[in-house]
């Protein structure tokens, strides 16, 4: 009923009261701002004060004159309200303009309050423009809107614009306290804080939620009943997630997340709420920014206590992870897994690196969460090795202990290049684009010095494998190891590796391995890397006596490489059932 009853808009109400007190009234006002902040209420109070016959010294209406009484009893003929959302046509505006011609019978002004004015059509705005520009002396327009950007600039330029602020949490809580005291309702301040945060800056929404909570709580508004009634996630869960993350308790976080999802809360709401919580903790880190927290004094103290335990770097990284999760949440097909991974990453921020060297190589990797599993695997491997050693005879065990450590089995790297091979030199020059190192092409300064001193170096010496290993292998083992060797060959030998995959080696005279090559060029290329092939197969097959025999295929041994179409036709020819299936289902190879 008065300007003093308007909450959180002291600057605007003071300006309006001074305008009434000084008699400096404009012909058009525009009140804009979020919903539920008092735009229409201020318009009504202002309209009543304008027509008051005996305004008070502070600019408030007297509430005693005939104009004030008629307004309070809702029978005033000087104040008109129009809902532009449902009366947005040109005809409605023309009817309104007709009423502006009639002067007021009681009072000094006719006040037209047009709510949701942004809903007017463009034609209605244009029809209203002329009257707004040159209104009669006894007419004042008060326009109210939540979306100022939708109003024509020509309308804005003819109005005094008042921007209403959204309600702060503290103002909302104080007003709800006064309402509760007047209504005789008991309350907890934390419960009022939840209501104020839920209202999101709208006093009308806050009062509606307060009324709902008062009915649910039967006159005693408590924190637990309010979060139950409004289906709001308890803020204590956010405090627990941060505490668990600081101590790397991933299992506890997963159990807490499962409990929250089991109550029907959405994972996206959890991430958004946790991000807001971490932001508040970051603001509570410094006394200067502590005032930015829009919450109750009790909650502010809890934020401050947790902020003292959280490193700033942890808060920054947590906000980054949660923000990325929020961005990816809508398009994720497995939303729960995305939330779980994000919470695991948050819980690992303060976890020390498993290996500083490996952490430097891959700083974005996930630290190991299951160290116990790794340790158990290592323990099992050591037990197997001990059992194997125990099974050996004393003589073999001594031989194994006294044996010199062997060179680690490695797969082929690159081919060595003979000194007088022009073809090989051309391949090396072509491979220079791949930044081939000297030792990758079989050349080192040490070998050059050795040759200069007149010493002979056996090219197979560096590929010598332990001849004590005499493990047995079958044709199937040989083919499997041959294919694995071709797959592991480096990028510089990709062409040779792909052609070697089409070769099937055989055991000609155990342990001699024979490979039949169908052309001389490929035979020469494979012959250059023959020592490395022998070493790789000897290591994979655990037999140091392996020998590699390469020979050129005879004319009768050369087989045509079958394409996918050839294989398909061959299957149809050799298998009647398959051919019948393809015919009945009209199958073909695309």
Protein backbone atom coordinates (compact mmCIF):
# COMPACT_ATOMS: atom_id res chain seq x y z
CA UNK A 1 0.00 0.00 0.00
CA UNK A 2 2.98 2.36 0.52
CA UNK A 3 6.43 2.87 -1.01
CA UNK A 4 8.03 1.81 2.25
CA UNK A 5 6.46 -1.65 1.92
CA UNK A 6 8.36 -2.29 -1.34
CA UNK A 7 11.37 -4.50 -0.65
CA UNK A 8 14.80 -4.08 -2.24
CA UNK A 9 14.03 -1.07 -4.48
CA UNK A 10 14.93 1.82 -2.18
CA UNK A 11 16.58 3.94 -4.89
CA UNK A 12 13.56 3.78 -7.19
CA UNK A 13 10.97 4.35 -4.48
CA UNK A 14 12.92 7.35 -3.19
CA UNK A 15 12.99 8.84 -6.69
CA UNK A 16 9.25 8.35 -7.14
CA UNK A 17 8.44 9.85 -3.74
CA UNK A 18 10.56 12.90 -4.48
CA UNK A 19 8.80 13.28 -7.85
CA UNK A 20 5.41 13.28 -6.08
CA UNK A 21 6.61 15.61 -3.36
CA UNK A 22 8.15 18.09 -5.83
CA UNK A 23 5.36 17.83 -8.39
CA UNK A 24 7.83 16.97 -11.16
CA UNK A 25 5.92 14.32 -13.02
CA UNK A 26 6.63 12.99 -16.50
CA UNK A 27 3.89 11.99 -18.89
CA UNK A 28 5.23 8.41 -19.39
CA UNK A 29 7.18 5.95 -17.21
CA UNK A 30 8.63 2.57 -18.09
CA UNK A 31 9.19 0.08 -15.24
CA UNK A 32 11.32 -2.88 -16.36
CA UNK A 33 13.02 -5.73 -14.55
CA UNK A 34 12.72 -9.45 -13.67
CA UNK A 35 9.45 -11.02 -12.66
CA UNK A 36 8.14 -10.59 -9.12
CA UNK A 37 10.30 -7.63 -8.08
CA UNK A 38 7.46 -5.10 -7.60
CA UNK A 39 6.98 -3.32 -10.95
CA UNK A 40 3.17 -3.44 -10.99
CA UNK A 41 3.00 -2.82 -7.24
CA UNK A 42 5.12 0.34 -7.56
CA UNK A 43 2.98 1.48 -10.48
CA UNK A 44 -0.20 1.20 -8.39
CA UNK A 45 1.32 2.93 -5.37
CA UNK A 46 2.68 5.69 -7.61
CA UNK A 47 -0.70 6.13 -9.32
CA UNK A 48 -2.43 6.48 -5.94
CA UNK A 49 0.18 8.99 -4.69
CA UNK A 50 -0.17 11.09 -7.86
CA UNK A 51 -3.93 11.55 -7.32
CA UNK A 52 -3.76 11.98 -3.55
CA UNK A 53 -5.35 15.30 -2.53
CA UNK A 54 -3.20 15.71 0.58
CA UNK A 55 0.14 13.87 0.08
CA UNK A 56 2.40 13.61 3.09
CA UNK A 57 5.72 15.38 3.36
CA UNK A 58 7.68 12.22 2.50
CA UNK A 59 5.70 11.74 -0.75
CA UNK A 60 3.44 8.95 0.49
CA UNK A 61 -0.34 9.01 -0.06
CA UNK A 62 -2.48 10.07 2.87
CA UNK A 63 -4.95 7.13 2.58
CA UNK A 64 -7.67 9.48 3.94
CA UNK A 65 -8.87 11.56 0.99
CA UNK A 66 -11.62 10.45 -1.40
CA UNK A 67 -9.13 9.55 -4.15
CA UNK A 68 -7.11 7.28 -1.84
CA UNK A 69 -10.25 5.67 -0.40
CA UNK A 70 -11.65 4.94 -3.86
CA UNK A 71 -8.35 3.42 -4.91
CA UNK A 72 -8.11 1.26 -1.78
CA UNK A 73 -11.69 0.11 -2.34
CA UNK A 74 -10.94 -0.60 -6.02
CA UNK A 75 -13.63 1.80 -7.34
CA UNK A 76 -11.41 4.56 -8.69
CA UNK A 77 -12.25 5.87 -12.17
CA UNK A 78 -8.93 7.65 -12.56
CA UNK A 79 -6.65 4.56 -12.62
CA UNK A 80 -6.92 2.05 -15.46
CA UNK A 81 -5.00 -1.20 -15.81
CA UNK A 82 -4.55 -2.93 -19.15
CA UNK A 83 -3.00 -6.35 -19.70
CA UNK A 84 -1.18 -5.99 -23.01
CA UNK A 85 -0.66 -9.77 -23.21
CA UNK A 86 -4.38 -10.29 -23.94
CA UNK A 87 -5.20 -6.82 -25.35
CA UNK A 88 -2.44 -6.35 -27.88
CA UNK A 89 -4.36 -5.40 -31.01
CA UNK A 90 -4.76 -2.01 -32.66
CA UNK A 91 -8.46 -1.90 -31.70
CA UNK A 92 -7.61 -2.27 -27.99
CA UNK A 93 -5.11 0.61 -28.17
CA UNK A 94 -7.63 2.81 -30.05
CA UNK A 95 -10.24 2.14 -27.37
CA UNK A 96 -7.68 3.12 -24.74
CA UNK A 97 -6.90 6.33 -26.63
CA UNK A 98 -10.60 7.26 -26.63
CA UNK A 99 -10.60 7.16 -22.83
CA UNK A 100 -7.67 9.57 -22.62
CA UNK A 101 -9.83 12.38 -24.01
CA UNK A 102 -12.13 12.41 -20.94
CA UNK A 103 -10.65 14.42 -18.01
CA UNK A 104 -10.78 12.95 -14.47
CA UNK A 105 -13.86 13.65 -12.34
CA UNK A 106 -12.03 13.35 -8.99
CA UNK A 107 -8.30 14.03 -8.68
CA UNK A 108 -5.87 15.61 -11.07
CA UNK A 109 -4.68 12.80 -13.39
CA UNK A 110 -5.89 9.80 -15.29
CA UNK A 111 -3.24 7.07 -14.91
CA UNK A 112 -3.04 4.22 -17.42
CA UNK A 113 -1.00 1.21 -16.25
CA UNK A 114 -0.15 -1.07 -19.19
CA UNK A 115 1.36 -4.36 -17.95
CA UNK A 116 3.50 -6.64 -20.16
CA UNK A 117 3.70 -3.86 -22.73
CA UNK A 118 6.27 -5.75 -24.81
CA UNK A 119 3.43 -8.06 -25.95
CA UNK A 120 1.85 -5.31 -28.06
CA UNK A 121 2.02 -5.87 -31.81
CA UNK A 122 4.05 -3.57 -34.03
CA UNK A 123 0.86 -2.00 -35.40
CA UNK A 124 -0.42 -1.41 -31.86
CA UNK A 125 2.88 0.22 -30.89
CA UNK A 126 2.63 2.55 -33.88
CA UNK A 127 -0.96 3.44 -32.99
CA UNK A 128 0.10 4.15 -29.42
CA UNK A 129 3.13 6.19 -30.43
CA UNK A 130 1.35 9.44 -31.36
CA UNK A 131 -0.65 9.60 -28.14
CA UNK A 132 2.43 8.77 -26.09
CA UNK A 133 4.38 11.56 -27.80
CA UNK A 134 1.75 14.28 -27.23
CA UNK A 135 -0.63 13.10 -24.47
CA UNK A 136 -3.27 15.32 -22.86
CA UNK A 137 -2.06 17.21 -19.78
CA UNK A 138 -4.25 15.12 -17.45
CA UNK A 139 -2.91 11.73 -18.67
CA UNK A 140 0.08 9.75 -17.31
CA UNK A 141 1.16 6.39 -18.73
CA UNK A 142 3.00 3.79 -16.64
CA UNK A 143 4.32 0.88 -18.72
CA UNK A 144 5.63 -2.32 -17.13
CA UNK A 145 7.64 -5.04 -18.85
CA UNK A 146 10.07 -7.86 -18.20
CA UNK A 147 11.70 -7.65 -21.65
CA UNK A 148 12.75 -4.10 -22.42
CA UNK A 149 14.69 -5.11 -25.53
CA UNK A 150 11.43 -5.99 -27.31
CA UNK A 151 10.05 -2.46 -27.07
CA UNK A 152 10.52 -0.09 -30.00
CA UNK A 153 13.28 2.52 -29.54
CA UNK A 154 10.78 5.25 -30.38
CA UNK A 155 8.71 4.20 -27.36
CA UNK A 156 11.76 4.02 -25.07
CA UNK A 157 12.91 7.51 -26.02
CA UNK A 158 9.58 9.00 -24.81
CA UNK A 159 9.59 7.39 -21.35
CA UNK A 160 11.41 7.76 -18.08
CA UNK A 161 12.99 4.32 -17.61
CA UNK A 162 13.27 2.71 -14.18
CA UNK A 163 15.24 -0.55 -13.99
CA UNK A 164 14.18 -2.73 -11.07
CA UNK A 165 16.80 -4.94 -9.44
CA UNK A 166 16.33 -8.62 -8.67
CA UNK A 167 15.93 -9.40 -5.00
CA UNK A 168 18.97 -10.42 -3.03
CA UNK A 169 18.80 -13.48 -0.81
CA UNK A 170 19.36 -11.42 2.33
CA UNK A 171 16.52 -8.99 1.47
CA UNK A 172 14.21 -11.90 0.71
CA UNK A 173 15.07 -13.65 3.97
CA UNK A 174 14.46 -10.47 6.00
CA UNK A 175 11.09 -9.91 4.34
CA UNK A 176 10.06 -13.54 4.88
CA UNK A 177 11.02 -13.17 8.55
CA UNK A 178 8.75 -10.16 8.91
CA UNK A 179 5.90 -12.00 7.19
CA UNK A 180 6.39 -15.05 9.42
CA UNK A 181 6.40 -12.89 12.55
CA UNK A 182 3.18 -11.15 11.49
CA UNK A 183 1.51 -14.46 10.67
CA UNK A 184 2.76 -16.19 13.83
CA UNK A 185 4.69 -18.86 11.92
CA UNK A 186 7.79 -20.48 13.42
CA UNK A 187 10.78 -20.91 11.13
CA UNK A 188 14.44 -21.88 10.81
CA UNK A 189 16.69 -19.38 9.07
CA UNK A 190 18.25 -22.13 6.91
CA UNK A 191 14.74 -23.02 5.68
CA UNK A 192 14.07 -19.41 4.69
CA UNK A 193 17.45 -19.36 2.93
CA UNK A 194 16.42 -22.36 0.80
CA UNK A 195 13.15 -20.60 -0.09
CA UNK A 196 15.01 -17.40 -1.03
CA UNK A 197 17.49 -19.27 -3.22
CA UNK A 198 14.66 -21.20 -4.89
CA UNK A 199 12.84 -17.92 -5.68
CA UNK A 200 15.85 -16.78 -7.74
CA UNK A 201 15.45 -13.06 -7.07
CA UNK A 202 11.64 -12.85 -7.29
CA UNK A 203 9.79 -11.72 -4.17
CA UNK A 204 6.44 -12.93 -5.53
CA UNK A 205 7.89 -16.40 -6.07
CA UNK A 206 9.42 -16.32 -2.58
CA UNK A 207 6.06 -15.50 -0.99
CA UNK A 208 4.32 -18.24 -2.99
CA UNK A 209 6.91 -20.83 -1.94
CA UNK A 210 6.73 -19.57 1.65
CA UNK A 211 2.95 -20.03 1.65
CA UNK A 212 3.35 -23.55 0.24
CA UNK A 213 6.00 -24.47 2.81
CA UNK A 214 3.89 -23.04 5.66
CA UNK A 215 0.98 -25.26 4.63
CA UNK A 216 3.20 -28.34 4.36
CA UNK A 217 4.95 -27.71 7.68
CA UNK A 218 1.77 -26.82 9.59
CA UNK A 219 3.08 -23.50 10.86
CA UNK A 220 6.60 -24.69 11.77
CA UNK A 221 8.94 -24.25 8.79
CA UNK A 222 12.06 -26.43 9.24
CA UNK A 223 14.98 -27.04 6.91
CA UNK A 224 14.36 -30.76 6.42
CA UNK A 225 10.66 -30.30 5.65
CA UNK A 226 11.35 -27.49 3.18
CA UNK A 227 13.87 -29.49 1.13
CA UNK A 228 11.47 -32.43 1.21
CA UNK A 229 8.55 -30.28 0.06
CA UNK A 230 10.48 -28.44 -2.66
CA UNK A 231 12.48 -31.54 -3.73
CA UNK A 232 15.75 -29.66 -3.27
CA UNK A 233 19.04 -31.52 -2.84
CA UNK A 234 20.44 -31.07 0.63
CA UNK A 235 23.48 -28.77 0.54
CA UNK A 236 25.17 -31.10 3.03
CA UNK A 237 25.77 -33.49 0.12
CA UNK A 238 27.93 -30.88 -1.62
CA UNK A 239 30.00 -30.36 1.51
CA UNK A 240 30.53 -34.13 1.72
CA UNK A 241 31.62 -34.42 -1.93
CA UNK A 242 34.26 -31.71 -1.45
CA UNK A 243 35.51 -33.29 1.79
CA UNK A 244 35.73 -36.75 0.17
CA UNK A 245 37.56 -35.27 -2.82
CA UNK A 246 40.18 -33.65 -0.63
CA UNK A 247 40.96 -37.06 0.90
CA UNK A 248 40.65 -38.99 -2.44
CA UNK A 249 37.76 -41.16 -1.19
CA UNK A 250 36.41 -42.18 -4.57
CA UNK A 251 34.37 -45.09 -3.20
CA UNK A 252 32.51 -42.85 -0.75
CA UNK A 253 31.72 -40.38 -3.54
CA UNK A 254 30.34 -43.16 -5.74
CA UNK A 255 28.11 -44.41 -2.91
CA UNK A 256 26.91 -40.86 -2.22
CA UNK A 257 26.18 -40.33 -5.92
CA UNK A 258 24.20 -43.58 -6.08
CA UNK A 259 22.17 -42.51 -3.05
CA UNK A 260 21.41 -39.10 -4.61
CA UNK A 261 20.36 -40.61 -7.95
CA UNK A 262 18.27 -43.17 -6.10
CA UNK A 263 16.19 -40.35 -4.61
CA UNK A 264 15.22 -39.19 -8.08
CA UNK A 265 17.62 -36.29 -8.51
CA UNK A 266 19.12 -35.68 -11.95
CA UNK A 267 22.88 -35.94 -12.43
CA UNK A 268 22.95 -32.64 -14.31
CA UNK A 269 21.33 -30.83 -11.37
CA UNK A 270 23.93 -32.38 -9.08
CA UNK A 271 26.78 -31.12 -11.26
CA UNK A 272 25.29 -27.61 -11.48
CA UNK A 273 24.65 -27.50 -7.75
CA UNK A 274 28.15 -28.75 -6.98
CA UNK A 275 29.65 -26.14 -9.32
CA UNK A 276 27.72 -23.38 -7.53
CA UNK A 277 28.87 -24.80 -4.21
CA UNK A 278 32.54 -24.85 -5.25
CA UNK A 279 32.16 -21.29 -6.55
CA UNK A 280 30.83 -20.24 -3.13
CA UNK A 281 33.74 -22.00 -1.43
CA UNK A 282 36.12 -20.10 -3.70
CA UNK A 283 34.43 -16.81 -2.81
CA UNK A 284 34.66 -17.69 0.89
CA UNK A 285 38.41 -18.19 0.54
CA UNK A 286 38.98 -14.45 0.92
CA UNK A 287 37.31 -12.18 3.44
CA UNK A 288 36.83 -9.51 0.76
CA UNK A 289 34.71 -11.80 -1.44
CA UNK A 290 32.87 -13.47 1.44
CA UNK A 291 30.12 -10.86 1.12
CA UNK A 292 29.35 -12.11 -2.41
CA UNK A 293 27.71 -15.24 -1.01
CA UNK A 294 23.93 -14.92 -1.27
CA UNK A 295 23.03 -17.20 1.60
CA UNK A 296 22.28 -17.17 5.30
CA UNK A 297 24.88 -16.25 7.90
CA UNK A 298 25.05 -19.84 9.16
CA UNK A 299 25.69 -21.20 5.67
CA UNK A 300 28.27 -18.48 5.03
CA UNK A 301 30.21 -19.64 8.08
CA UNK A 302 30.17 -23.26 6.84
CA UNK A 303 31.51 -22.14 3.46
CA UNK A 304 34.27 -20.20 5.18
CA UNK A 305 35.33 -23.20 7.28
CA UNK A 306 35.50 -25.51 4.27
CA UNK A 307 37.36 -22.89 2.21
CA UNK A 308 40.22 -22.94 4.70
CA UNK A 309 40.77 -26.65 3.96
CA UNK A 310 40.64 -26.37 0.15
CA UNK A 311 43.70 -25.33 -1.91
CA UNK A 312 42.92 -22.66 -4.49
CA UNK A 313 44.34 -24.83 -7.27
CA UNK A 314 41.92 -27.62 -6.31
CA UNK A 315 38.95 -25.24 -6.58
CA UNK A 316 40.04 -23.90 -9.97
CA UNK A 317 40.50 -27.39 -11.45
CA UNK A 318 37.22 -28.60 -9.95
CA UNK A 319 35.28 -25.74 -11.54
CA UNK A 320 36.91 -26.49 -14.90
CA UNK A 321 35.99 -30.20 -14.73
CA UNK A 322 32.40 -29.51 -13.63
CA UNK A 323 31.93 -26.86 -16.31
CA UNK A 324 33.13 -29.28 -18.99
CA UNK A 325 30.78 -31.95 -17.66
CA UNK A 326 27.86 -29.51 -17.82
CA UNK A 327 28.71 -28.69 -21.45
CA UNK A 328 28.82 -32.37 -22.47
CA UNK A 329 25.89 -33.55 -20.34
CA UNK A 330 23.02 -32.93 -22.78
CA UNK A 331 24.68 -34.72 -25.69
CA UNK A 332 26.02 -37.63 -23.64
CA UNK A 333 24.36 -41.02 -24.24
CA UNK A 334 25.49 -42.34 -20.84
CA UNK A 335 24.90 -39.41 -18.49
CA UNK A 336 25.58 -41.28 -15.27
CA UNK A 337 28.96 -42.48 -16.50
CA UNK A 338 29.87 -38.91 -17.48
CA UNK A 339 28.98 -37.66 -13.99
CA UNK A 340 30.94 -40.50 -12.35
CA UNK A 341 34.05 -39.83 -14.46
CA UNK A 342 33.87 -36.12 -13.63
CA UNK A 343 33.60 -36.80 -9.90
CA UNK A 344 36.48 -39.29 -10.11
CA UNK A 345 38.64 -36.64 -11.79
CA UNK A 346 37.73 -34.16 -9.05
CA UNK A 347 38.67 -36.72 -6.40
CA UNK A 348 42.07 -37.24 -8.04
CA UNK A 349 43.15 -33.59 -8.12
CA UNK A 350 44.88 -33.75 -4.74
CA UNK A 351 46.08 -37.35 -5.19
CA UNK A 352 49.90 -37.54 -5.53
CA UNK A 353 51.25 -38.82 -8.84
CA UNK A 354 52.11 -42.52 -9.02
CA UNK A 355 55.30 -41.80 -10.95
CA UNK A 356 56.64 -38.27 -11.45
CA UNK A 357 58.47 -39.20 -14.65
CA UNK A 358 55.46 -40.81 -16.26
CA UNK A 359 53.27 -37.96 -15.02
CA UNK A 360 55.47 -35.50 -16.89
CA UNK A 361 55.11 -37.53 -20.07
CA UNK A 362 51.32 -37.74 -19.87
CA UNK A 363 49.97 -35.05 -17.53
CA UNK A 364 46.35 -35.67 -18.55
CA UNK A 365 46.26 -39.35 -17.62
CA UNK A 366 44.05 -40.73 -14.88
CA UNK A 367 45.99 -41.75 -11.80
CA UNK A 368 45.58 -45.37 -10.77
CA UNK A 369 42.61 -45.86 -8.48
CA UNK A 370 43.08 -49.55 -7.88
CA UNK A 371 46.60 -49.84 -6.49
CA UNK A 372 45.62 -52.87 -4.45
CA UNK A 373 44.67 -54.71 -7.64
CA UNK A 374 48.04 -53.88 -9.23
CA UNK A 375 49.92 -54.99 -6.14
CA UNK A 376 47.98 -58.25 -6.04
CA UNK A 377 48.83 -58.92 -9.69
CA UNK A 378 52.53 -58.28 -9.02
CA UNK A 379 52.40 -60.57 -6.01
CA UNK A 380 50.77 -63.32 -8.06
CA UNK A 381 53.44 -62.97 -10.77
CA UNK A 382 56.22 -63.29 -8.18
CA UNK A 383 54.57 -66.42 -6.74
CA UNK A 384 54.42 -68.00 -10.21
CA UNK A 385 58.10 -67.21 -10.79
CA UNK A 386 59.00 -68.73 -7.42
CA UNK A 387 57.03 -71.89 -8.21
CA UNK A 388 58.78 -72.19 -11.56
CA UNK A 389 62.19 -71.83 -9.93
CA UNK A 390 61.27 -74.44 -7.34
CA UNK A 391 60.28 -76.89 -10.08
CA UNK A 392 63.71 -76.74 -11.73
CA UNK A 393 66.39 -79.23 -10.80
CA UNK A 394 69.32 -77.93 -8.67
CA UNK A 395 71.60 -78.10 -11.68
CA UNK A 396 69.22 -76.14 -13.91
CA UNK A 397 68.60 -73.66 -11.09
CA UNK A 398 72.33 -73.00 -10.73
CA UNK A 399 72.65 -72.63 -14.49
CA UNK A 400 69.81 -70.12 -14.48
CA UNK A 401 71.38 -68.10 -11.66
CA UNK A 402 74.89 -68.03 -13.13
CA UNK A 403 73.70 -67.33 -16.66
CA UNK A 404 74.58 -63.88 -17.96
CA UNK A 405 71.64 -61.55 -18.58
CA UNK A 406 70.45 -61.75 -22.16
CA UNK A 407 69.66 -58.90 -24.47
CA UNK A 408 66.00 -57.90 -24.33
CA UNK A 409 63.91 -59.31 -27.13
CA UNK A 410 62.83 -56.47 -29.39
CA UNK A 411 60.97 -56.39 -32.66
CA UNK A 412 62.44 -55.18 -35.94
CA UNK A 413 63.27 -51.47 -36.07
CA UNK A 414 64.80 -50.78 -39.50
CA UNK A 415 66.96 -52.53 -42.04
CA UNK A 416 70.74 -52.19 -42.00
CA UNK A 417 72.22 -50.68 -45.16
CA UNK A 418 75.29 -52.26 -46.86
CA UNK A 419 78.09 -49.86 -47.80
CA UNK A 420 77.92 -50.42 -51.58
CA UNK A 421 74.18 -50.74 -52.14
CA UNK A 422 72.79 -47.98 -54.33
CA UNK A 423 69.22 -49.26 -53.98
CA UNK A 424 69.47 -49.19 -50.22
CA UNK A 425 70.94 -45.68 -50.29
CA UNK A 426 68.00 -44.50 -52.35
CA UNK A 427 65.61 -46.02 -49.82
CA UNK A 428 67.47 -44.30 -47.01
CA UNK A 429 67.35 -40.95 -48.80
CA UNK A 430 63.63 -41.45 -49.34
CA UNK A 431 63.19 -42.32 -45.67
CA UNK A 432 65.00 -39.13 -44.66
CA UNK A 433 61.66 -37.39 -44.78
CA UNK A 434 60.71 -39.50 -41.74
CA UNK A 435 63.75 -38.21 -39.78
CA UNK A 436 65.57 -41.56 -39.77
CA UNK A 437 68.41 -41.65 -37.25
CA UNK A 438 71.82 -43.16 -37.99
CA UNK A 439 71.41 -46.00 -35.57
CA UNK A 440 68.01 -46.80 -37.10
CA UNK A 441 69.66 -47.64 -40.44
CA UNK A 442 72.29 -49.89 -38.91
CA UNK A 443 75.10 -47.29 -38.79
CA UNK A 444 76.86 -45.95 -35.71
CA UNK A 445 80.09 -44.08 -35.17
CA UNK A 446 81.34 -46.98 -33.09
CA UNK A 447 80.93 -49.38 -36.02
CA UNK A 448 82.70 -46.91 -38.32
CA UNK A 449 85.68 -46.70 -36.00
CA UNK A 450 85.79 -50.49 -35.73
CA UNK A 451 85.91 -50.92 -39.51
CA UNK A 452 88.55 -48.20 -39.80
CA UNK A 453 90.80 -50.12 -37.43
CA UNK A 454 90.60 -53.16 -39.72
CA UNK A 455 88.43 -55.24 -37.46
CA UNK A 456 85.70 -57.38 -38.99
CA UNK A 457 82.23 -57.21 -37.55
CA UNK A 458 79.80 -60.05 -37.96
CA UNK A 459 76.47 -58.58 -39.00
CA UNK A 460 74.66 -61.39 -37.13
CA UNK A 461 76.65 -60.87 -33.93
CA UNK A 462 74.45 -58.05 -32.61
CA UNK A 463 71.37 -60.21 -33.24
CA UNK A 464 72.74 -63.22 -31.42
CA UNK A 465 70.04 -64.93 -29.31
CA UNK A 466 70.44 -67.29 -26.37
CA UNK A 467 71.07 -70.69 -27.92
CA UNK A 468 70.32 -72.39 -24.62
CA UNK A 469 66.60 -71.94 -25.35
CA UNK A 470 65.31 -74.95 -27.24
CA UNK A 471 61.57 -74.52 -26.80
CA UNK A 472 59.39 -76.52 -29.18
CA UNK A 473 57.06 -74.73 -31.57
CA UNK A 474 54.49 -75.83 -34.09
CA UNK A 475 53.49 -74.57 -37.52
CA UNK A 476 50.57 -72.77 -35.93
CA UNK A 477 52.89 -71.03 -33.44
CA UNK A 478 55.19 -70.03 -36.30
CA UNK A 479 52.40 -68.47 -38.34
CA UNK A 480 51.06 -66.58 -35.32
CA UNK A 481 54.47 -65.15 -34.41
CA UNK A 482 55.19 -64.27 -38.07
CA UNK A 483 51.96 -62.26 -38.32
CA UNK A 484 52.63 -60.56 -34.98
CA UNK A 485 56.15 -59.61 -36.13
CA UNK A 486 54.76 -58.06 -39.32
CA UNK A 487 52.21 -56.10 -37.34
CA UNK A 488 54.87 -54.66 -34.99
CA UNK A 489 57.25 -53.55 -37.73
CA UNK A 490 57.87 -49.77 -37.77
CA UNK A 491 56.35 -47.23 -40.14
CA UNK A 492 59.51 -47.10 -42.29
CA UNK A 493 59.02 -50.79 -43.17
CA UNK A 494 55.27 -50.60 -43.64
CA UNK A 495 55.45 -51.63 -47.32
CA UNK A 496 57.62 -54.68 -46.65
CA UNK A 497 55.47 -55.65 -43.65
CA UNK A 498 52.24 -55.61 -45.69
CA UNK A 499 53.79 -57.88 -48.36
CA UNK A 500 55.30 -60.21 -45.74
CA UNK A 501 51.82 -60.80 -44.30
CA UNK A 502 50.94 -62.60 -47.55
CA UNK A 503 53.87 -65.02 -47.03
CA UNK A 504 53.24 -68.23 -45.07
CA UNK A 505 56.53 -69.60 -43.61
CA UNK A 506 56.86 -73.34 -43.09
CA UNK A 507 59.05 -75.59 -40.96
CA UNK A 508 61.16 -77.35 -43.60
CA UNK A 509 63.69 -79.15 -41.38
CA UNK A 510 63.07 -78.38 -37.71
CA UNK A 511 64.14 -75.81 -36.54
CA UNK A 512 64.85 -74.44 -40.06
CA UNK A 513 62.14 -72.02 -41.22
CA UNK A 514 61.66 -71.62 -44.94
CA UNK A 515 59.93 -68.64 -46.56
CA UNK A 516 59.10 -68.72 -50.26
CA UNK A 517 59.20 -65.28 -51.91
CA UNK A 518 57.38 -64.79 -55.19
CA UNK A 519 59.65 -62.03 -56.64
CA UNK A 520 63.33 -61.15 -56.56
CA UNK A 521 62.93 -57.54 -55.34
CA UNK A 522 61.02 -58.57 -52.23
CA UNK A 523 63.52 -61.38 -51.66
CA UNK A 524 66.40 -58.88 -51.63
CA UNK A 525 64.59 -56.56 -49.25
CA UNK A 526 63.73 -59.34 -46.79
CA UNK A 527 67.24 -60.73 -47.03
CA UNK A 528 68.62 -57.40 -45.75
CA UNK A 529 66.60 -57.67 -42.55
CA UNK A 530 66.96 -61.44 -42.23
CA UNK A 531 69.12 -61.27 -39.01
CA UNK A 532 66.47 -59.20 -37.27
CA UNK A 533 63.71 -61.54 -38.45
CA UNK A 534 65.62 -64.52 -37.04
CA UNK A 535 66.16 -62.81 -33.70
CA UNK A 536 62.52 -61.75 -33.39
CA UNK A 537 61.18 -65.23 -34.17
CA UNK A 538 63.78 -66.86 -31.90
CA UNK A 539 62.63 -64.69 -29.03
CA UNK A 540 58.93 -65.16 -29.68
CA UNK A 541 59.24 -68.94 -30.18
CA UNK A 542 61.82 -69.38 -27.38
CA UNK A 543 64.22 -71.31 -29.58
CA UNK A 544 67.74 -69.96 -30.15
CA UNK A 545 68.63 -72.54 -32.83
CA UNK A 546 66.18 -71.20 -35.38
CA UNK A 547 67.53 -70.62 -38.89
CA UNK A 548 65.83 -68.64 -41.65
CA UNK A 549 65.96 -69.91 -45.25
CA UNK A 550 64.71 -67.64 -48.05
CA UNK A 551 64.23 -68.81 -51.62
CA UNK A 552 62.59 -67.57 -54.77
CA UNK A 553 59.31 -69.27 -55.66
CA UNK A 554 59.10 -71.39 -58.76
CA UNK A 555 56.54 -70.68 -61.44
CA UNK A 556 54.18 -73.39 -60.19
CA UNK A 557 54.35 -72.05 -56.61
CA UNK A 558 53.28 -68.52 -57.47
CA UNK A 559 49.65 -68.08 -56.44
CA UNK A 560 47.38 -65.26 -57.49
CA UNK A 561 46.36 -63.02 -54.60
CA UNK A 562 42.60 -63.30 -54.25
CA UNK A 563 40.43 -60.22 -53.83
CA UNK A 564 37.36 -60.10 -51.59
CA UNK A 565 35.19 -60.76 -54.63
CA UNK A 566 37.30 -63.83 -55.53
CA UNK A 567 37.00 -65.18 -52.00
CA UNK A 568 33.24 -64.63 -52.06
CA UNK A 569 32.80 -66.43 -55.37
CA UNK A 570 35.05 -69.26 -54.19
CA UNK A 571 32.93 -69.74 -51.08
CA UNK A 572 29.77 -69.92 -53.18
CA UNK A 573 31.40 -72.45 -55.49
CA UNK A 574 32.77 -74.72 -52.77
CA UNK A 575 29.84 -74.54 -50.35
CA UNK A 576 26.37 -75.43 -51.62
CA UNK A 577 24.62 -74.27 -48.45
CA UNK A 578 26.27 -70.87 -48.60
CA UNK A 579 25.42 -70.54 -52.29
CA UNK A 580 21.77 -71.44 -51.58
CA UNK A 581 21.61 -68.91 -48.75
CA UNK A 582 22.96 -66.13 -51.01
CA UNK A 583 20.45 -67.04 -53.71
CA UNK A 584 17.39 -67.14 -51.41
CA UNK A 585 18.26 -63.90 -49.60
CA UNK A 586 19.64 -62.24 -52.75
CA UNK A 587 22.94 -61.55 -51.02
CA UNK A 588 25.86 -59.98 -52.82
CA UNK A 589 29.20 -58.44 -51.90
CA UNK A 590 29.21 -54.63 -52.04
